[in-house]
Structure formats: structure tokens, C-alpha cells
N, C-alpha and C. Protein backbone atom coordinates (compact mmCIF):
# COMPACT_ATOMS: atom_id res chain seq x y z
N UNK A 1 -34.41 18.30 -50.36
CA UNK A 1 -34.35 19.61 -49.71
C UNK A 1 -34.61 19.44 -48.22
N UNK A 2 -33.75 20.03 -47.40
CA UNK A 2 -33.97 19.97 -45.95
C UNK A 2 -34.38 21.35 -45.45
N UNK A 3 -34.65 21.43 -44.17
CA UNK A 3 -35.15 22.67 -43.56
C UNK A 3 -34.18 23.83 -43.76
N UNK A 4 -32.88 23.53 -43.80
CA UNK A 4 -31.90 24.59 -43.93
C UNK A 4 -31.89 25.17 -45.34
N UNK A 5 -32.25 24.36 -46.36
CA UNK A 5 -32.34 24.86 -47.72
C UNK A 5 -33.49 25.86 -47.86
N UNK A 6 -34.58 25.62 -47.14
CA UNK A 6 -35.76 26.47 -47.22
C UNK A 6 -35.44 27.92 -46.86
N UNK A 7 -34.59 28.11 -45.84
CA UNK A 7 -34.28 29.46 -45.38
C UNK A 7 -33.07 30.06 -46.07
N UNK A 8 -32.39 29.30 -46.90
CA UNK A 8 -31.17 29.77 -47.53
C UNK A 8 -31.49 30.44 -48.86
N UNK A 9 -31.31 31.73 -48.92
CA UNK A 9 -31.58 32.49 -50.13
C UNK A 9 -30.27 32.91 -50.81
N UNK A 10 -29.30 32.04 -50.79
CA UNK A 10 -28.01 32.34 -51.39
C UNK A 10 -26.99 32.82 -50.37
N UNK A 11 -27.44 33.17 -49.19
CA UNK A 11 -26.54 33.57 -48.12
C UNK A 11 -26.31 32.34 -47.25
N UNK A 12 -25.07 31.97 -47.01
CA UNK A 12 -24.82 30.74 -46.25
C UNK A 12 -25.31 30.85 -44.81
N UNK A 13 -25.98 29.81 -44.34
CA UNK A 13 -26.47 29.79 -42.97
C UNK A 13 -25.40 29.37 -41.97
N UNK A 14 -24.45 28.58 -42.42
CA UNK A 14 -23.45 28.04 -41.51
C UNK A 14 -22.76 29.11 -40.65
N UNK A 15 -22.29 30.21 -41.24
CA UNK A 15 -21.61 31.21 -40.40
C UNK A 15 -22.52 31.81 -39.32
N UNK A 16 -23.80 31.91 -39.59
CA UNK A 16 -24.72 32.44 -38.58
C UNK A 16 -25.01 31.41 -37.50
N UNK A 17 -25.19 30.17 -37.90
CA UNK A 17 -25.55 29.13 -36.94
C UNK A 17 -24.43 28.75 -35.99
N UNK A 18 -23.18 28.84 -36.45
CA UNK A 18 -22.07 28.41 -35.59
C UNK A 18 -21.93 29.27 -34.34
N UNK A 19 -22.46 30.46 -34.39
CA UNK A 19 -22.33 31.33 -33.23
C UNK A 19 -23.18 30.89 -32.05
N UNK A 20 -24.23 30.13 -32.31
CA UNK A 20 -25.08 29.63 -31.21
C UNK A 20 -24.29 28.66 -30.33
N UNK A 21 -23.76 27.56 -30.87
CA UNK A 21 -23.03 26.65 -29.99
C UNK A 21 -21.74 27.24 -29.44
N UNK A 22 -21.06 28.04 -30.24
CA UNK A 22 -19.80 28.60 -29.76
C UNK A 22 -20.03 29.62 -28.65
N UNK A 23 -21.05 30.44 -28.80
CA UNK A 23 -21.38 31.40 -27.74
C UNK A 23 -21.83 30.70 -26.47
N UNK A 24 -22.67 29.69 -26.62
CA UNK A 24 -23.13 28.96 -25.44
C UNK A 24 -22.00 28.17 -24.80
N UNK A 25 -21.06 27.69 -25.60
CA UNK A 25 -19.91 26.99 -25.03
C UNK A 25 -19.10 27.91 -24.12
N UNK A 26 -19.14 29.21 -24.39
CA UNK A 26 -18.47 30.17 -23.51
C UNK A 26 -19.31 30.47 -22.28
N UNK A 27 -20.62 30.50 -22.43
CA UNK A 27 -21.50 30.87 -21.32
C UNK A 27 -21.76 29.73 -20.35
N UNK A 28 -21.86 28.51 -20.84
CA UNK A 28 -22.26 27.38 -19.99
C UNK A 28 -21.31 27.15 -18.81
N UNK A 29 -19.99 27.19 -18.98
CA UNK A 29 -19.14 26.97 -17.80
C UNK A 29 -19.38 28.00 -16.70
N UNK A 30 -19.59 29.25 -17.09
CA UNK A 30 -19.84 30.30 -16.10
C UNK A 30 -21.19 30.07 -15.41
N UNK A 31 -22.21 29.79 -16.19
CA UNK A 31 -23.53 29.53 -15.60
C UNK A 31 -23.47 28.29 -14.71
N UNK A 32 -22.80 27.25 -15.18
CA UNK A 32 -22.69 26.02 -14.38
C UNK A 32 -21.96 26.30 -13.06
N UNK A 33 -20.90 27.10 -13.12
CA UNK A 33 -20.18 27.44 -11.89
C UNK A 33 -21.07 28.22 -10.93
N UNK A 34 -21.79 29.20 -11.46
CA UNK A 34 -22.65 30.01 -10.59
C UNK A 34 -23.79 29.19 -9.99
N UNK A 35 -24.37 28.30 -10.78
CA UNK A 35 -25.43 27.43 -10.24
C UNK A 35 -24.84 26.48 -9.20
N UNK A 36 -23.69 25.92 -9.49
CA UNK A 36 -23.03 25.03 -8.52
C UNK A 36 -22.77 25.76 -7.21
N UNK A 37 -22.21 26.94 -7.30
CA UNK A 37 -21.95 27.74 -6.10
C UNK A 37 -23.25 28.05 -5.37
N UNK A 38 -24.27 28.42 -6.14
CA UNK A 38 -25.56 28.74 -5.53
C UNK A 38 -26.20 27.56 -4.82
N UNK A 39 -26.08 26.38 -5.40
CA UNK A 39 -26.64 25.18 -4.76
C UNK A 39 -25.83 24.84 -3.52
N UNK A 40 -24.51 24.90 -3.64
CA UNK A 40 -23.65 24.58 -2.49
C UNK A 40 -23.94 25.50 -1.31
N UNK A 41 -24.17 26.78 -1.59
CA UNK A 41 -24.40 27.75 -0.51
C UNK A 41 -25.86 27.85 -0.08
N UNK A 42 -26.73 27.11 -0.76
CA UNK A 42 -28.13 27.11 -0.40
C UNK A 42 -28.92 28.27 -0.97
N UNK A 43 -28.34 28.99 -1.90
CA UNK A 43 -29.04 30.11 -2.54
C UNK A 43 -30.10 29.61 -3.52
N UNK A 44 -29.80 28.46 -4.15
CA UNK A 44 -30.69 27.88 -5.15
C UNK A 44 -31.05 26.46 -4.74
N UNK A 45 -32.22 26.04 -5.15
CA UNK A 45 -32.59 24.63 -5.01
C UNK A 45 -31.83 23.84 -6.08
N UNK A 46 -31.60 22.56 -5.85
CA UNK A 46 -30.90 21.76 -6.86
C UNK A 46 -31.57 21.78 -8.24
N UNK A 47 -32.84 22.07 -8.30
CA UNK A 47 -33.55 22.16 -9.59
C UNK A 47 -32.98 23.26 -10.48
N UNK A 48 -32.24 24.19 -9.91
CA UNK A 48 -31.63 25.26 -10.70
C UNK A 48 -30.67 24.70 -11.75
N UNK A 49 -30.20 23.47 -11.49
CA UNK A 49 -29.29 22.83 -12.45
C UNK A 49 -29.97 22.65 -13.81
N UNK A 50 -31.29 22.64 -13.82
CA UNK A 50 -32.04 22.51 -15.06
C UNK A 50 -31.65 23.61 -16.05
N UNK A 51 -31.33 24.79 -15.57
CA UNK A 51 -30.89 25.89 -16.44
C UNK A 51 -29.65 25.47 -17.24
N UNK A 52 -28.71 24.85 -16.57
CA UNK A 52 -27.48 24.40 -17.24
C UNK A 52 -27.82 23.36 -18.31
N UNK A 53 -28.70 22.43 -17.96
CA UNK A 53 -29.08 21.37 -18.90
C UNK A 53 -29.78 21.95 -20.12
N UNK A 54 -30.66 22.91 -19.91
CA UNK A 54 -31.37 23.53 -21.03
C UNK A 54 -30.39 24.28 -21.93
N UNK A 55 -29.47 25.01 -21.35
CA UNK A 55 -28.47 25.72 -22.16
C UNK A 55 -27.63 24.74 -22.97
N UNK A 56 -27.26 23.63 -22.35
CA UNK A 56 -26.49 22.62 -23.09
C UNK A 56 -27.31 21.97 -24.20
N UNK A 57 -28.59 21.77 -23.95
CA UNK A 57 -29.46 21.20 -24.99
C UNK A 57 -29.54 22.14 -26.19
N UNK A 58 -29.68 23.43 -25.93
CA UNK A 58 -29.72 24.40 -27.02
C UNK A 58 -28.37 24.44 -27.74
N UNK A 59 -27.28 24.35 -26.97
CA UNK A 59 -25.95 24.33 -27.56
C UNK A 59 -25.78 23.13 -28.49
N UNK A 60 -26.25 21.97 -28.05
CA UNK A 60 -26.10 20.78 -28.87
C UNK A 60 -27.01 20.82 -30.10
N UNK A 61 -28.21 21.36 -29.95
CA UNK A 61 -29.10 21.51 -31.11
C UNK A 61 -28.48 22.49 -32.11
N UNK A 62 -27.93 23.59 -31.60
CA UNK A 62 -27.25 24.54 -32.47
C UNK A 62 -26.03 23.93 -33.13
N UNK A 63 -25.32 23.11 -32.37
CA UNK A 63 -24.15 22.42 -32.92
C UNK A 63 -24.54 21.46 -34.05
N UNK A 64 -25.65 20.75 -33.85
CA UNK A 64 -26.12 19.82 -34.88
C UNK A 64 -26.53 20.59 -36.14
N UNK A 65 -27.20 21.72 -35.96
CA UNK A 65 -27.60 22.54 -37.10
C UNK A 65 -26.37 23.10 -37.82
N UNK A 66 -25.41 23.56 -37.05
CA UNK A 66 -24.18 24.10 -37.66
C UNK A 66 -23.43 23.00 -38.40
N UNK A 67 -23.38 21.81 -37.81
CA UNK A 67 -22.69 20.69 -38.45
C UNK A 67 -23.38 20.34 -39.77
N UNK A 68 -24.71 20.31 -39.75
CA UNK A 68 -25.48 19.99 -40.95
C UNK A 68 -25.22 21.00 -42.06
N UNK A 69 -25.27 22.26 -41.73
CA UNK A 69 -25.05 23.29 -42.75
C UNK A 69 -23.58 23.33 -43.18
N UNK A 70 -22.68 22.95 -42.27
CA UNK A 70 -21.26 22.87 -42.62
C UNK A 70 -21.00 21.80 -43.66
N UNK A 71 -21.71 20.69 -43.56
CA UNK A 71 -21.58 19.64 -44.56
C UNK A 71 -21.96 20.17 -45.94
N UNK A 72 -23.02 20.96 -45.99
CA UNK A 72 -23.46 21.53 -47.27
C UNK A 72 -22.43 22.54 -47.78
N UNK A 73 -21.90 23.35 -46.87
CA UNK A 73 -20.89 24.35 -47.26
C UNK A 73 -19.62 23.66 -47.78
N UNK A 74 -19.30 22.49 -47.24
CA UNK A 74 -18.10 21.78 -47.65
C UNK A 74 -18.10 21.51 -49.15
N UNK A 75 -19.25 21.15 -49.68
CA UNK A 75 -19.35 20.88 -51.12
C UNK A 75 -19.02 22.13 -51.94
N UNK A 76 -19.49 23.27 -51.49
CA UNK A 76 -19.27 24.52 -52.22
C UNK A 76 -17.84 25.03 -52.02
N UNK A 77 -17.38 25.02 -50.78
CA UNK A 77 -16.06 25.56 -50.45
C UNK A 77 -14.94 24.65 -50.94
N UNK A 78 -15.24 23.37 -51.08
CA UNK A 78 -14.23 22.41 -51.53
C UNK A 78 -13.63 22.75 -52.88
N UNK A 79 -14.34 23.50 -53.70
CA UNK A 79 -13.79 23.92 -54.99
C UNK A 79 -12.83 25.08 -54.88
N UNK A 80 -12.78 25.71 -53.70
CA UNK A 80 -11.93 26.89 -53.49
C UNK A 80 -10.76 26.59 -52.55
N UNK A 81 -11.04 25.82 -51.51
CA UNK A 81 -10.08 25.57 -50.43
C UNK A 81 -9.58 24.13 -50.50
N UNK A 82 -8.31 23.93 -50.18
CA UNK A 82 -7.76 22.57 -50.11
C UNK A 82 -8.53 21.74 -49.07
N UNK A 83 -8.46 20.43 -49.22
CA UNK A 83 -9.20 19.53 -48.34
C UNK A 83 -8.69 19.53 -46.90
N UNK A 84 -7.40 19.67 -46.69
CA UNK A 84 -6.83 19.53 -45.34
C UNK A 84 -7.43 20.50 -44.32
N UNK A 85 -7.51 21.80 -44.59
CA UNK A 85 -8.11 22.69 -43.59
C UNK A 85 -9.61 22.44 -43.38
N UNK A 86 -10.30 22.02 -44.44
CA UNK A 86 -11.72 21.71 -44.30
C UNK A 86 -11.88 20.49 -43.40
N UNK A 87 -11.08 19.47 -43.64
CA UNK A 87 -11.16 18.24 -42.84
C UNK A 87 -10.78 18.50 -41.39
N UNK A 88 -9.79 19.36 -41.16
CA UNK A 88 -9.39 19.68 -39.78
C UNK A 88 -10.54 20.36 -39.04
N UNK A 89 -11.21 21.28 -39.72
CA UNK A 89 -12.36 21.97 -39.11
C UNK A 89 -13.50 20.98 -38.85
N UNK A 90 -13.75 20.11 -39.80
CA UNK A 90 -14.82 19.12 -39.65
C UNK A 90 -14.51 18.15 -38.52
N UNK A 91 -13.27 17.70 -38.41
CA UNK A 91 -12.89 16.79 -37.33
C UNK A 91 -13.02 17.48 -35.97
N UNK A 92 -12.61 18.72 -35.89
CA UNK A 92 -12.74 19.47 -34.64
C UNK A 92 -14.21 19.64 -34.26
N UNK A 93 -15.06 19.90 -35.26
CA UNK A 93 -16.50 20.02 -35.00
C UNK A 93 -17.07 18.70 -34.52
N UNK A 94 -16.63 17.61 -35.11
CA UNK A 94 -17.08 16.29 -34.67
C UNK A 94 -16.69 16.01 -33.23
N UNK A 95 -15.46 16.36 -32.86
CA UNK A 95 -15.02 16.19 -31.47
C UNK A 95 -15.82 17.08 -30.52
N UNK A 96 -16.11 18.30 -30.96
CA UNK A 96 -16.94 19.19 -30.16
C UNK A 96 -18.29 18.54 -29.88
N UNK A 97 -18.88 17.94 -30.91
CA UNK A 97 -20.20 17.31 -30.75
C UNK A 97 -20.12 16.09 -29.82
N UNK A 98 -19.05 15.32 -29.91
CA UNK A 98 -18.90 14.14 -29.05
C UNK A 98 -18.72 14.56 -27.59
N UNK A 99 -17.78 15.47 -27.36
CA UNK A 99 -17.52 15.93 -25.98
C UNK A 99 -18.73 16.69 -25.45
N UNK A 100 -19.35 17.49 -26.30
CA UNK A 100 -20.56 18.22 -25.89
C UNK A 100 -21.69 17.27 -25.54
N UNK A 101 -21.85 16.22 -26.32
CA UNK A 101 -22.88 15.23 -26.03
C UNK A 101 -22.64 14.53 -24.70
N UNK A 102 -21.38 14.20 -24.43
CA UNK A 102 -21.04 13.56 -23.16
C UNK A 102 -21.28 14.52 -21.99
N UNK A 103 -20.90 15.76 -22.17
CA UNK A 103 -21.10 16.77 -21.13
C UNK A 103 -22.60 16.97 -20.86
N UNK A 104 -23.38 17.05 -21.93
CA UNK A 104 -24.82 17.21 -21.80
C UNK A 104 -25.44 16.00 -21.10
N UNK A 105 -25.05 14.81 -21.50
CA UNK A 105 -25.60 13.59 -20.90
C UNK A 105 -25.29 13.53 -19.41
N UNK A 106 -24.07 13.88 -19.03
CA UNK A 106 -23.69 13.86 -17.62
C UNK A 106 -24.50 14.89 -16.84
N UNK A 107 -24.65 16.07 -17.40
CA UNK A 107 -25.42 17.13 -16.73
C UNK A 107 -26.89 16.72 -16.58
N UNK A 108 -27.42 16.12 -17.61
CA UNK A 108 -28.80 15.65 -17.57
C UNK A 108 -28.98 14.57 -16.51
N UNK A 109 -28.03 13.68 -16.42
CA UNK A 109 -28.07 12.59 -15.43
C UNK A 109 -28.12 13.14 -14.01
N UNK A 110 -27.45 14.25 -13.77
CA UNK A 110 -27.44 14.84 -12.43
C UNK A 110 -28.83 15.26 -11.96
N UNK A 111 -29.71 15.58 -12.91
CA UNK A 111 -31.07 15.97 -12.53
C UNK A 111 -31.81 14.82 -11.84
N UNK A 112 -31.44 13.61 -12.17
CA UNK A 112 -32.13 12.44 -11.62
C UNK A 112 -31.57 12.02 -10.26
N UNK A 113 -30.48 12.64 -9.83
CA UNK A 113 -29.86 12.28 -8.56
C UNK A 113 -29.74 13.46 -7.61
N UNK A 114 -30.62 14.44 -7.75
CA UNK A 114 -30.48 15.66 -6.96
C UNK A 114 -30.59 15.43 -5.46
N UNK A 115 -31.14 14.31 -5.03
CA UNK A 115 -31.22 14.03 -3.59
C UNK A 115 -29.97 13.36 -3.06
N UNK A 116 -29.09 12.92 -3.92
CA UNK A 116 -27.88 12.21 -3.52
C UNK A 116 -26.84 13.19 -2.96
N UNK A 117 -26.07 12.69 -2.01
CA UNK A 117 -25.01 13.52 -1.43
C UNK A 117 -23.88 13.79 -2.42
N UNK A 118 -23.70 12.91 -3.38
CA UNK A 118 -22.61 13.08 -4.35
C UNK A 118 -22.96 14.03 -5.49
N UNK A 119 -24.23 14.42 -5.61
CA UNK A 119 -24.63 15.24 -6.74
C UNK A 119 -23.93 16.60 -6.71
N UNK A 120 -23.65 17.12 -5.52
CA UNK A 120 -22.94 18.41 -5.46
C UNK A 120 -21.54 18.29 -6.07
N UNK A 121 -20.90 17.16 -5.85
CA UNK A 121 -19.60 16.91 -6.49
C UNK A 121 -19.81 16.75 -8.00
N UNK A 122 -20.92 16.13 -8.38
CA UNK A 122 -21.25 15.96 -9.79
C UNK A 122 -21.39 17.29 -10.51
N UNK A 123 -21.96 18.28 -9.81
CA UNK A 123 -22.07 19.61 -10.42
C UNK A 123 -20.69 20.17 -10.74
N UNK A 124 -19.76 19.94 -9.85
CA UNK A 124 -18.39 20.42 -10.07
C UNK A 124 -17.76 19.71 -11.27
N UNK A 125 -17.96 18.39 -11.36
CA UNK A 125 -17.43 17.63 -12.49
C UNK A 125 -18.07 18.11 -13.80
N UNK A 126 -19.37 18.33 -13.79
CA UNK A 126 -20.07 18.81 -14.99
C UNK A 126 -19.58 20.20 -15.39
N UNK A 127 -19.30 21.03 -14.41
CA UNK A 127 -18.77 22.37 -14.69
C UNK A 127 -17.39 22.25 -15.34
N UNK A 128 -16.57 21.35 -14.84
CA UNK A 128 -15.25 21.12 -15.43
C UNK A 128 -15.37 20.60 -16.87
N UNK A 129 -16.32 19.68 -17.09
CA UNK A 129 -16.55 19.18 -18.45
C UNK A 129 -16.96 20.31 -19.39
N UNK A 130 -17.80 21.20 -18.90
CA UNK A 130 -18.22 22.34 -19.72
C UNK A 130 -17.03 23.25 -20.04
N UNK A 131 -16.12 23.39 -19.08
CA UNK A 131 -14.92 24.20 -19.33
C UNK A 131 -14.01 23.51 -20.35
N UNK A 132 -13.90 22.20 -20.28
CA UNK A 132 -13.10 21.45 -21.26
C UNK A 132 -13.73 21.61 -22.65
N UNK A 133 -15.05 21.57 -22.70
CA UNK A 133 -15.74 21.73 -23.98
C UNK A 133 -15.43 23.09 -24.61
N UNK A 134 -15.23 24.08 -23.79
CA UNK A 134 -14.88 25.41 -24.29
C UNK A 134 -13.58 25.36 -25.09
N UNK A 135 -12.64 24.54 -24.69
CA UNK A 135 -11.38 24.38 -25.42
C UNK A 135 -11.66 23.81 -26.81
N UNK A 136 -12.55 22.81 -26.86
CA UNK A 136 -12.91 22.22 -28.16
C UNK A 136 -13.64 23.24 -29.03
N UNK A 137 -14.51 24.03 -28.43
CA UNK A 137 -15.24 25.06 -29.17
C UNK A 137 -14.28 26.10 -29.74
N UNK A 138 -13.30 26.48 -28.94
CA UNK A 138 -12.31 27.47 -29.41
C UNK A 138 -11.53 26.92 -30.60
N UNK A 139 -11.22 25.64 -30.56
CA UNK A 139 -10.49 25.02 -31.67
C UNK A 139 -11.34 25.02 -32.94
N UNK A 140 -12.62 24.66 -32.82
CA UNK A 140 -13.52 24.66 -33.97
C UNK A 140 -13.62 26.08 -34.54
N UNK A 141 -13.84 27.04 -33.68
CA UNK A 141 -13.96 28.43 -34.13
C UNK A 141 -12.69 28.94 -34.78
N UNK A 142 -11.56 28.60 -34.19
CA UNK A 142 -10.27 29.03 -34.75
C UNK A 142 -10.07 28.46 -36.15
N UNK A 143 -10.32 27.16 -36.29
CA UNK A 143 -10.14 26.53 -37.60
C UNK A 143 -11.15 27.04 -38.62
N UNK A 144 -12.37 27.34 -38.17
CA UNK A 144 -13.37 27.93 -39.07
C UNK A 144 -12.96 29.32 -39.50
N UNK A 145 -12.45 30.10 -38.58
CA UNK A 145 -11.96 31.43 -38.91
C UNK A 145 -10.80 31.38 -39.90
N UNK A 146 -9.92 30.42 -39.72
CA UNK A 146 -8.81 30.25 -40.67
C UNK A 146 -9.32 29.89 -42.06
N UNK A 147 -10.37 29.06 -42.10
CA UNK A 147 -10.95 28.72 -43.41
C UNK A 147 -11.39 29.97 -44.14
N UNK A 148 -12.04 30.87 -43.42
CA UNK A 148 -12.58 32.07 -44.04
C UNK A 148 -11.49 33.10 -44.32
N UNK A 149 -10.68 33.41 -43.31
CA UNK A 149 -9.77 34.55 -43.42
C UNK A 149 -8.39 34.22 -43.96
N UNK A 150 -7.96 32.97 -43.84
CA UNK A 150 -6.64 32.59 -44.35
C UNK A 150 -6.76 31.85 -45.68
N UNK A 151 -7.70 30.91 -45.73
CA UNK A 151 -7.82 30.05 -46.91
C UNK A 151 -8.85 30.53 -47.92
N UNK A 152 -9.59 31.59 -47.62
CA UNK A 152 -10.50 32.19 -48.59
C UNK A 152 -11.80 31.46 -48.82
N UNK A 153 -12.30 30.75 -47.81
CA UNK A 153 -13.54 29.98 -47.98
C UNK A 153 -14.72 30.88 -48.37
N UNK A 154 -14.74 32.10 -47.89
CA UNK A 154 -15.85 33.00 -48.23
C UNK A 154 -15.90 33.31 -49.72
N UNK A 155 -14.77 33.17 -50.39
CA UNK A 155 -14.73 33.43 -51.84
C UNK A 155 -15.63 32.49 -52.62
N UNK A 156 -15.97 31.35 -52.03
CA UNK A 156 -16.84 30.39 -52.72
C UNK A 156 -18.22 30.98 -52.98
N UNK A 157 -18.57 32.01 -52.25
CA UNK A 157 -19.90 32.63 -52.40
C UNK A 157 -19.89 33.83 -53.33
N UNK A 158 -18.75 34.16 -53.88
CA UNK A 158 -18.70 35.24 -54.87
C UNK A 158 -19.35 34.75 -56.16
N UNK A 159 -20.07 35.62 -56.84
CA UNK A 159 -20.77 35.19 -58.06
C UNK A 159 -19.86 34.51 -59.08
N UNK A 160 -18.63 34.98 -59.20
CA UNK A 160 -17.74 34.39 -60.20
C UNK A 160 -17.26 32.99 -59.82
N UNK A 161 -17.46 32.58 -58.56
CA UNK A 161 -17.00 31.27 -58.10
C UNK A 161 -18.13 30.28 -57.84
N UNK A 162 -19.35 30.68 -57.99
CA UNK A 162 -20.46 29.79 -57.60
C UNK A 162 -20.51 28.51 -58.42
N UNK A 163 -19.94 28.48 -59.58
CA UNK A 163 -19.95 27.26 -60.38
C UNK A 163 -18.73 26.38 -60.20
N UNK A 164 -17.72 26.86 -59.48
CA UNK A 164 -16.47 26.10 -59.34
C UNK A 164 -16.62 24.79 -58.59
N UNK A 165 -17.48 24.76 -57.58
CA UNK A 165 -17.64 23.52 -56.81
C UNK A 165 -18.21 22.42 -57.68
N UNK A 166 -19.15 22.75 -58.55
CA UNK A 166 -19.74 21.76 -59.43
C UNK A 166 -18.72 21.31 -60.48
N UNK A 167 -17.87 22.24 -60.94
CA UNK A 167 -16.85 21.92 -61.93
C UNK A 167 -15.81 20.98 -61.36
N UNK A 168 -15.54 21.09 -60.04
CA UNK A 168 -14.49 20.26 -59.41
C UNK A 168 -14.94 18.83 -59.25
N UNK A 169 -16.24 18.55 -59.26
CA UNK A 169 -16.72 17.17 -59.06
C UNK A 169 -16.55 16.31 -60.27
């Protein structure tokens, strides 16, 4: 039993958790742009970049939690939905985590070079990476939505279907 099982009372956690990283993936590029602009114009000290790093850290933690609960949902939904759309969603989520991890690492690295003349350019690169990550987030969300609304993944939680995943194994 993991921490996610403790809070799960029959209602799937995955749909609730995915909104944290997906929502932050939309907000981070805007926040990163505004902080970059603020630092460039002297409105903010370079330490303001810490806000972007913290938001990305929360996004990645939320992404890890969503990925973990998605793995559990896969076992249940696999008895209802074909493997191909599940695998496509899982692969997109994996890419989101890889690109998000790289974006987070780059943003974090910038905190250690705030005195460097190139760090202002680094903020721009990190902002662009965050915008690219938004594309990956949109793909994950789109494929997850298709699982639920096109392929009927939510049906796995209907009382009459709760035993189907175990029967399929």
C-alpha cells in the first residue's frame, strides 16, 4: 500500500492530481516571462527567479504523483480500454516528465549563476523551455481526455465493471 492508496476511497485520484501539473504547465511560461521581463527592466532582483523554480518543483512533484496514480489506474482501465490509447497517454506523460525535468533543472541551475551576464539570456531560454513543455502538457491532457470521453475509461469505475480488470489478467 502506498500513500495514494490511503486517500483513495474508491474515487480515482489520478483525474484530480493531473490538474496540478497541467495547470502549472500553463502558468509557468507566463510567470517565467513576467519574472524575466521584471529582472531585465530592474523591477525585480534576480532572486525573483526562485518563484519560477518553486512553481516548476511543484509541477514536477504533481506530475510524479499523477504518473504514479496513472500506473494504478492503468490496471483497472486496461480491462475496459484497448492498450494503444493507454500506452499513447503513458508515453506522452513520460515525455512530459522528461522535458519538465530538464526544464526544471535548467531553471534551478540559473539560480546559481545570477551574477553572470549570461543569466538574463538563460531566463529567456528557460521561459522558452517552459513554453515548449506546455505543448507536451497539452498532448498529455488531450490523450487523457480522449481516454475518458472517447474510449470510455471512466466506465472502469462503474460498479458493474469493477471486477473486469481482474478478470482480464
